Amino acid sequence: KEMKSKSPIVCLTAYTATIGRFLDSEADL
């Protein structure tokens, strides 16, 4: 919520541990 007015928020879809681990450093959500 604090990021909303200050910077873009990145949301990516992850269905598995492997994808979640890979995308974690790139996404806010």
PDB file of all heavy atoms in Angstrom:
ATOM      1  N   LYS A   1       0.833  -1.205   0.000  1.00  0.00           N
ATOM      2  CA  LYS A   1       0.000   0.000   0.000  1.00  0.00           C
ATOM      3  C   LYS A   1       0.870   1.260   0.000  1.00  0.00           C
ATOM      4  O   LYS A   1       0.577   2.222  -0.704  1.00  0.00           O
ATOM      5  CB  LYS A   1      -0.926  -0.005   1.214  1.00  0.00           C
ATOM      6  CG  LYS A   1      -1.881   1.156   1.239  1.00  0.00           C
ATOM      7  CD  LYS A   1      -2.817   1.084   2.426  1.00  0.00           C
ATOM      8  CE  LYS A   1      -3.728   2.293   2.424  1.00  0.00           C
ATOM      9  NZ  LYS A   1      -4.584   2.332   3.603  1.00  0.00           N
ATOM     10  N   GLU A   2       1.950   1.249   0.761  1.00  0.00           N
ATOM     11  CA  GLU A   2       2.856   2.406   0.803  1.00  0.00           C
ATOM     12  C   GLU A   2       3.573   2.614  -0.529  1.00  0.00           C
ATOM     13  O   GLU A   2       3.886   3.734  -0.902  1.00  0.00           O
ATOM     14  CB  GLU A   2       3.865   2.235   1.936  1.00  0.00           C
ATOM     15  CG  GLU A   2       3.249   2.394   3.305  1.00  0.00           C
ATOM     16  CD  GLU A   2       4.206   2.075   4.437  1.00  0.00           C
ATOM     17  OE1 GLU A   2       5.377   1.699   4.170  1.00  0.00           O
ATOM     18  OE2 GLU A   2       3.783   2.184   5.593  1.00  0.00           O
ATOM     19  N   MET A   3       3.832   1.540  -1.255  1.00  0.00           N
ATOM     20  CA  MET A   3       4.496   1.632  -2.558  1.00  0.00           C
ATOM     21  C   MET A   3       3.584   2.226  -3.624  1.00  0.00           C
ATOM     22  O   MET A   3       4.066   2.771  -4.618  1.00  0.00           O
ATOM     23  CB  MET A   3       4.927   0.245  -3.033  1.00  0.00           C
ATOM     24  CG  MET A   3       6.043  -0.386  -2.261  1.00  0.00           C
ATOM     25  SD  MET A   3       6.331  -2.073  -2.813  1.00  0.00           S
ATOM     26  CE  MET A   3       6.749  -1.815  -4.530  1.00  0.00           C
ATOM     27  N   LYS A   4       2.292   2.101  -3.422  1.00  0.00           N
ATOM     28  CA  LYS A   4       1.303   2.441  -4.454  1.00  0.00           C
ATOM     29  C   LYS A   4       1.521   3.817  -5.071  1.00  0.00           C
ATOM     30  O   LYS A   4       1.451   3.974  -6.277  1.00  0.00           O
ATOM     31  CB  LYS A   4      -0.105   2.326  -3.872  1.00  0.00           C
ATOM     32  CG  LYS A   4      -1.193   2.545  -4.875  1.00  0.00           C
ATOM     33  CD  LYS A   4      -2.548   2.347  -4.232  1.00  0.00           C
ATOM     34  CE  LYS A   4      -3.633   2.679  -5.230  1.00  0.00           C
ATOM     35  NZ  LYS A   4      -4.951   2.641  -4.643  1.00  0.00           N
ATOM     36  N   SER A   5       1.768   4.806  -4.283  1.00  0.00           N
ATOM     37  CA  SER A   5       1.910   6.158  -4.825  1.00  0.00           C
ATOM     38  C   SER A   5       3.365   6.535  -5.120  1.00  0.00           C
ATOM     39  O   SER A   5       3.622   7.612  -5.638  1.00  0.00           O
ATOM     40  CB  SER A   5       1.306   7.164  -3.852  1.00  0.00           C
ATOM     41  OG  SER A   5       1.985   7.102  -2.621  1.00  0.00           O
ATOM     42  N   LYS A   6       4.311   5.637  -4.803  1.00  0.00           N
ATOM     43  CA  LYS A   6       5.719   5.990  -4.938  1.00  0.00           C
ATOM     44  C   LYS A   6       6.436   5.297  -6.101  1.00  0.00           C
ATOM     45  O   LYS A   6       7.376   5.858  -6.661  1.00  0.00           O
ATOM     46  CB  LYS A   6       6.450   5.653  -3.642  1.00  0.00           C
ATOM     47  CG  LYS A   6       5.941   6.444  -2.456  1.00  0.00           C
ATOM     48  CD  LYS A   6       6.620   6.009  -1.192  1.00  0.00           C
ATOM     49  CE  LYS A   6       5.994   6.727  -0.002  1.00  0.00           C
ATOM     50  NZ  LYS A   6       6.437   6.198   1.263  1.00  0.00           N
ATOM     51  N   SER A   7       6.043   4.083  -6.410  1.00  0.00           N
ATOM     52  CA  SER A   7       6.761   3.341  -7.445  1.00  0.00           C
ATOM     53  C   SER A   7       5.856   2.279  -8.062  1.00  0.00           C
ATOM     54  O   SER A   7       4.852   1.898  -7.468  1.00  0.00           O
ATOM     55  CB  SER A   7       8.007   2.679  -6.849  1.00  0.00           C
ATOM     56  OG  SER A   7       7.630   1.723  -5.882  1.00  0.00           O
ATOM     57  N   PRO A   8       6.219   1.795  -9.239  1.00  0.00           N
ATOM     58  CA  PRO A   8       5.432   0.719  -9.843  1.00  0.00           C
ATOM     59  C   PRO A   8       5.474  -0.532  -8.962  1.00  0.00           C
ATOM     60  O   PRO A   8       6.474  -0.795  -8.283  1.00  0.00           O
ATOM     61  CB  PRO A   8       6.131   0.452 -11.172  1.00  0.00           C
ATOM     62  CG  PRO A   8       6.941   1.664 -11.446  1.00  0.00           C
ATOM     63  CD  PRO A   8       7.308   2.230 -10.107  1.00  0.00           C
ATOM     64  N   ILE A   9       4.398  -1.287  -8.972  1.00  0.00           N
ATOM     65  CA  ILE A   9       4.312  -2.536  -8.220  1.00  0.00           C
ATOM     66  C   ILE A   9       4.305  -3.678  -9.229  1.00  0.00           C
ATOM     67  O   ILE A   9       3.501  -3.693 -10.154  1.00  0.00           O
ATOM     68  CB  ILE A   9       3.039  -2.560  -7.349  1.00  0.00           C
ATOM     69  CG1 ILE A   9       3.098  -1.421  -6.331  1.00  0.00           C
ATOM     70  CG2 ILE A   9       2.877  -3.912  -6.666  1.00  0.00           C
ATOM     71  CD1 ILE A   9       1.803  -1.184  -5.582  1.00  0.00           C
ATOM     72  N   VAL A  10       5.201  -4.626  -9.030  1.00  0.00           N
ATOM     73  CA  VAL A  10       5.317  -5.761  -9.947  1.00  0.00           C
ATOM     74  C   VAL A  10       4.626  -6.972  -9.334  1.00  0.00           C
ATOM     75  O   VAL A  10       4.955  -7.389  -8.224  1.00  0.00           O
ATOM     76  CB  VAL A  10       6.801  -6.093 -10.229  1.00  0.00           C
ATOM     77  CG1 VAL A  10       6.919  -7.316 -11.120  1.00  0.00           C
ATOM     78  CG2 VAL A  10       7.502  -4.885 -10.843  1.00  0.00           C
ATOM     79  N   CYS A  11       3.672  -7.532 -10.078  1.00  0.00           N
ATOM     80  CA  CYS A  11       2.965  -8.739  -9.665  1.00  0.00           C
ATOM     81  C   CYS A  11       3.154  -9.800 -10.752  1.00  0.00           C
ATOM     82  O   CYS A  11       2.857  -9.549 -11.918  1.00  0.00           O
ATOM     83  CB  CYS A  11       1.480  -8.453  -9.458  1.00  0.00           C
ATOM     84  SG  CYS A  11       0.534  -9.912  -8.960  1.00  0.00           S
ATOM     85  N   LEU A  12       3.658 -10.958 -10.354  1.00  0.00           N
ATOM     86  CA  LEU A  12       3.866 -12.064 -11.278  1.00  0.00           C
ATOM     87  C   LEU A  12       3.154 -13.300 -10.742  1.00  0.00           C
ATOM     88  O   LEU A  12       2.909 -13.409  -9.541  1.00  0.00           O
ATOM     89  CB  LEU A  12       5.362 -12.342 -11.456  1.00  0.00           C
ATOM     90  CG  LEU A  12       6.173 -11.185 -12.041  1.00  0.00           C
ATOM     91  CD1 LEU A  12       7.670 -11.486 -11.959  1.00  0.00           C
ATOM     92  CD2 LEU A  12       5.763 -10.908 -13.474  1.00  0.00           C
ATOM     93  N   THR A  13       2.862 -14.240 -11.620  1.00  0.00           N
ATOM     94  CA  THR A  13       2.149 -15.453 -11.226  1.00  0.00           C
ATOM     95  C   THR A  13       3.135 -16.592 -11.007  1.00  0.00           C
ATOM     96  O   THR A  13       4.016 -16.827 -11.823  1.00  0.00           O
ATOM     97  CB  THR A  13       1.133 -15.850 -12.318  1.00  0.00           C
ATOM     98  OG1 THR A  13       0.233 -14.764 -12.503  1.00  0.00           O
ATOM     99  CG2 THR A  13       0.345 -17.074 -11.908  1.00  0.00           C
ATOM    100  N   ALA A  14       2.958 -17.288  -9.893  1.00  0.00           N
ATOM    101  CA  ALA A  14       3.787 -18.453  -9.569  1.00  0.00           C
ATOM    102  C   ALA A  14       2.873 -19.570  -9.081  1.00  0.00           C
ATOM    103  O   ALA A  14       2.007 -19.337  -8.240  1.00  0.00           O
ATOM    104  CB  ALA A  14       4.809 -18.100  -8.500  1.00  0.00           C
ATOM    105  N   TYR A  15       3.076 -20.768  -9.621  1.00  0.00           N
ATOM    106  CA  TYR A  15       2.260 -21.914  -9.215  1.00  0.00           C
ATOM    107  C   TYR A  15       3.053 -22.966  -8.453  1.00  0.00           C
ATOM    108  O   TYR A  15       2.472 -23.842  -7.827  1.00  0.00           O
ATOM    109  CB  TYR A  15       1.664 -22.607 -10.442  1.00  0.00           C
ATOM    110  CG  TYR A  15       0.834 -21.728 -11.337  1.00  0.00           C
ATOM    111  CD1 TYR A  15       1.171 -21.559 -12.669  1.00  0.00           C
ATOM    112  CD2 TYR A  15      -0.300 -21.085 -10.859  1.00  0.00           C
ATOM    113  CE1 TYR A  15       0.395 -20.768 -13.512  1.00  0.00           C
ATOM    114  CE2 TYR A  15      -1.071 -20.285 -11.683  1.00  0.00           C
ATOM    115  CZ  TYR A  15      -0.722 -20.142 -13.006  1.00  0.00           C
ATOM    116  OH  TYR A  15      -1.481 -19.359 -13.828  1.00  0.00           O
ATOM    117  N   THR A  16       4.379 -22.906  -8.536  1.00  0.00           N
ATOM    118  CA  THR A  16       5.225 -23.940  -7.938  1.00  0.00           C
ATOM    119  C   THR A  16       6.365 -23.307  -7.153  1.00  0.00           C
ATOM    120  O   THR A  16       6.663 -22.119  -7.314  1.00  0.00           O
ATOM    121  CB  THR A  16       5.834 -24.847  -9.029  1.00  0.00           C
ATOM    122  OG1 THR A  16       6.722 -24.057  -9.834  1.00  0.00           O
ATOM    123  CG2 THR A  16       4.766 -25.489  -9.905  1.00  0.00           C
ATOM    124  N   ALA A  17       7.035 -24.133  -6.338  1.00  0.00           N
ATOM    125  CA  ALA A  17       8.177 -23.655  -5.563  1.00  0.00           C
ATOM    126  C   ALA A  17       9.287 -23.152  -6.476  1.00  0.00           C
ATOM    127  O   ALA A  17       9.871 -22.101  -6.222  1.00  0.00           O
ATOM    128  CB  ALA A  17       8.693 -24.775  -4.664  1.00  0.00           C
ATOM    129  N   THR A  18       9.551 -23.870  -7.532  1.00  0.00           N
ATOM    130  CA  THR A  18      10.628 -23.476  -8.453  1.00  0.00           C
ATOM    131  C   THR A  18      10.366 -22.109  -9.056  1.00  0.00           C
ATOM    132  O   THR A  18      11.256 -21.242  -9.080  1.00  0.00           O
ATOM    133  CB  THR A  18      10.781 -24.522  -9.573  1.00  0.00           C
ATOM    134  OG1 THR A  18      11.040 -25.792  -8.974  1.00  0.00           O
ATOM    135  CG2 THR A  18      11.897 -24.157 -10.529  1.00  0.00           C
ATOM    136  N   ILE A  19       9.152 -21.893  -9.522  1.00  0.00           N
ATOM    137  CA  ILE A  19       8.808 -20.594 -10.116  1.00  0.00           C
ATOM    138  C   ILE A  19       8.804 -19.509  -9.045  1.00  0.00           C
ATOM    139  O   ILE A  19       9.291 -18.401  -9.264  1.00  0.00           O
ATOM    140  CB  ILE A  19       7.463 -20.666 -10.858  1.00  0.00           C
ATOM    141  CG1 ILE A  19       7.573 -21.636 -12.032  1.00  0.00           C
ATOM    142  CG2 ILE A  19       7.031 -19.291 -11.343  1.00  0.00           C
ATOM    143  CD1 ILE A  19       6.254 -21.963 -12.698  1.00  0.00           C
ATOM    144  N   GLY A  20       8.257 -19.807  -7.873  1.00  0.00           N
ATOM    145  CA  GLY A  20       8.243 -18.840  -6.780  1.00  0.00           C
ATOM    146  C   GLY A  20       9.634 -18.397  -6.381  1.00  0.00           C
ATOM    147  O   GLY A  20       9.896 -17.211  -6.176  1.00  0.00           O
ATOM    148  N   ARG A  21      10.553 -19.355  -6.286  1.00  0.00           N
ATOM    149  CA  ARG A  21      11.948 -19.048  -5.935  1.00  0.00           C
ATOM    150  C   ARG A  21      12.598 -18.188  -7.016  1.00  0.00           C
ATOM    151  O   ARG A  21      13.287 -17.210  -6.730  1.00  0.00           O
ATOM    152  CB  ARG A  21      12.728 -20.352  -5.763  1.00  0.00           C
ATOM    153  CG  ARG A  21      14.094 -20.198  -5.168  1.00  0.00           C
ATOM    154  CD  ARG A  21      14.775 -21.551  -4.897  1.00  0.00           C
ATOM    155  NE  ARG A  21      13.991 -22.390  -4.009  1.00  0.00           N
ATOM    156  CZ  ARG A  21      13.340 -23.505  -4.384  1.00  0.00           C
ATOM    157  NH1 ARG A  21      13.407 -23.934  -5.625  1.00  0.00           N
ATOM    158  NH2 ARG A  21      12.643 -24.194  -3.518  1.00  0.00           N
ATOM    159  N   PHE A  22      12.362 -18.528  -8.263  1.00  0.00           N
ATOM    160  CA  PHE A  22      12.945 -17.812  -9.400  1.00  0.00           C
ATOM    161  C   PHE A  22      12.431 -16.375  -9.493  1.00  0.00           C
ATOM    162  O   PHE A  22      13.194 -15.447  -9.761  1.00  0.00           O
ATOM    163  CB  PHE A  22      12.627 -18.581 -10.686  1.00  0.00           C
ATOM    164  CG  PHE A  22      13.207 -17.962 -11.925  1.00  0.00           C
ATOM    165  CD1 PHE A  22      14.561 -18.064 -12.206  1.00  0.00           C
ATOM    166  CD2 PHE A  22      12.393 -17.294 -12.815  1.00  0.00           C
ATOM    167  CE1 PHE A  22      15.094 -17.493 -13.349  1.00  0.00           C
ATOM    168  CE2 PHE A  22      12.913 -16.715 -13.961  1.00  0.00           C
ATOM    169  CZ  PHE A  22      14.272 -16.812 -14.228  1.00  0.00           C
ATOM    170  N   LEU A  23      11.141 -16.168  -9.261  1.00  0.00           N
ATOM    171  CA  LEU A  23      10.530 -14.848  -9.432  1.00  0.00           C
ATOM    172  C   LEU A  23      10.595 -13.965  -8.187  1.00  0.00           C
ATOM    173  O   LEU A  23      10.350 -12.764  -8.270  1.00  0.00           O
ATOM    174  CB  LEU A  23       9.062 -14.999  -9.853  1.00  0.00           C
ATOM    175  CG  LEU A  23       8.800 -15.650 -11.201  1.00  0.00           C
ATOM    176  CD1 LEU A  23       7.305 -15.763 -11.453  1.00  0.00           C
ATOM    177  CD2 LEU A  23       9.487 -14.885 -12.318  1.00  0.00           C
ATOM    178  N   ASP A  24      10.937 -14.534  -7.059  1.00  0.00           N
ATOM    179  CA  ASP A  24      10.889 -13.808  -5.792  1.00  0.00           C
ATOM    180  C   ASP A  24      11.683 -12.506  -5.811  1.00  0.00           C
ATOM    181  O   ASP A  24      11.219 -11.492  -5.306  1.00  0.00           O
ATOM    182  CB  ASP A  24      11.387 -14.719  -4.670  1.00  0.00           C
ATOM    183  CG  ASP A  24      11.202 -14.119  -3.295  1.00  0.00           C
ATOM    184  OD1 ASP A  24      10.132 -13.514  -3.037  1.00  0.00           O
ATOM    185  OD2 ASP A  24      12.115 -14.252  -2.462  1.00  0.00           O
ATOM    186  N   SER A  25      12.847 -12.520  -6.401  1.00  0.00           N
ATOM    187  CA  SER A  25      13.680 -11.307  -6.404  1.00  0.00           C
ATOM    188  C   SER A  25      13.194 -10.260  -7.406  1.00  0.00           C
ATOM    189  O   SER A  25      13.637  -9.113  -7.365  1.00  0.00           O
ATOM    190  CB  SER A  25      15.140 -11.664  -6.700  1.00  0.00           C
ATOM    191  OG  SER A  25      15.238 -12.203  -8.008  1.00  0.00           O
ATOM    192  N   GLU A  26      12.281 -10.640  -8.288  1.00  0.00           N
ATOM    193  CA  GLU A  26      11.810  -9.735  -9.343  1.00  0.00           C
ATOM    194  C   GLU A  26      10.435  -9.129  -9.066  1.00  0.00           C
ATOM    195  O   GLU A  26      10.035  -8.184  -9.733  1.00  0.00           O
ATOM    196  CB  GLU A  26      11.747 -10.484 -10.681  1.00  0.00           C
ATOM    197  CG  GLU A  26      13.032 -11.176 -11.073  1.00  0.00           C
ATOM    198  CD  GLU A  26      14.198 -10.224 -11.202  1.00  0.00           C
ATOM    199  OE1 GLU A  26      14.004  -9.094 -11.687  1.00  0.00           O
ATOM    200  OE2 GLU A  26      15.319 -10.618 -10.814  1.00  0.00           O
ATOM    201  N   ALA A  27       9.692  -9.690  -8.124  1.00  0.00           N
ATOM    202  CA  ALA A  27       8.295  -9.289  -7.935  1.00  0.00           C
ATOM    203  C   ALA A  27       8.044  -8.764  -6.531  1.00  0.00           C
ATOM    204  O   ALA A  27       8.651  -9.217  -5.558  1.00  0.00           O
ATOM    205  CB  ALA A  27       7.378 -10.483  -8.195  1.00  0.00           C
ATOM    206  N   ASP A  28       7.124  -7.816  -6.442  1.00  0.00           N
ATOM    207  CA  ASP A  28       6.649  -7.352  -5.142  1.00  0.00           C
ATOM    208  C   ASP A  28       5.541  -8.278  -4.639  1.00  0.00           C
ATOM    209  O   ASP A  28       5.429  -8.542  -3.445  1.00  0.00           O
ATOM    210  CB  ASP A  28       6.103  -5.921  -5.258  1.00  0.00           C
ATOM    211  CG  ASP A  28       7.165  -4.972  -5.772  1.00  0.00           C
ATOM    212  OD1 ASP A  28       8.252  -4.911  -5.151  1.00  0.00           O
ATOM    213  OD2 ASP A  28       6.940  -4.315  -6.806  1.00  0.00           O
ATOM    214  N   LEU A  29       4.726  -8.743  -5.581  1.00  0.00           N
ATOM    215  CA  LEU A  29       3.618  -9.657  -5.282  1.00  0.00           C
ATOM    216  C   LEU A  29       3.771 -10.906  -6.137  1.00  0.00           C
ATOM    217  O   LEU A  29       4.085 -10.812  -7.316  1.00  0.00           O
ATOM    218  CB  LEU A  29       2.269  -9.014  -5.655  1.00  0.00           C
ATOM    219  CG  LEU A  29       1.814  -7.803  -4.888  1.00  0.00           C
ATOM    220  CD1 LEU A  29       0.699  -7.098  -5.650  1.00  0.00           C
ATOM    221  CD2 LEU A  29       1.325  -8.204  -3.521  1.00  0.00           C
TER     222      LEU A  29
END
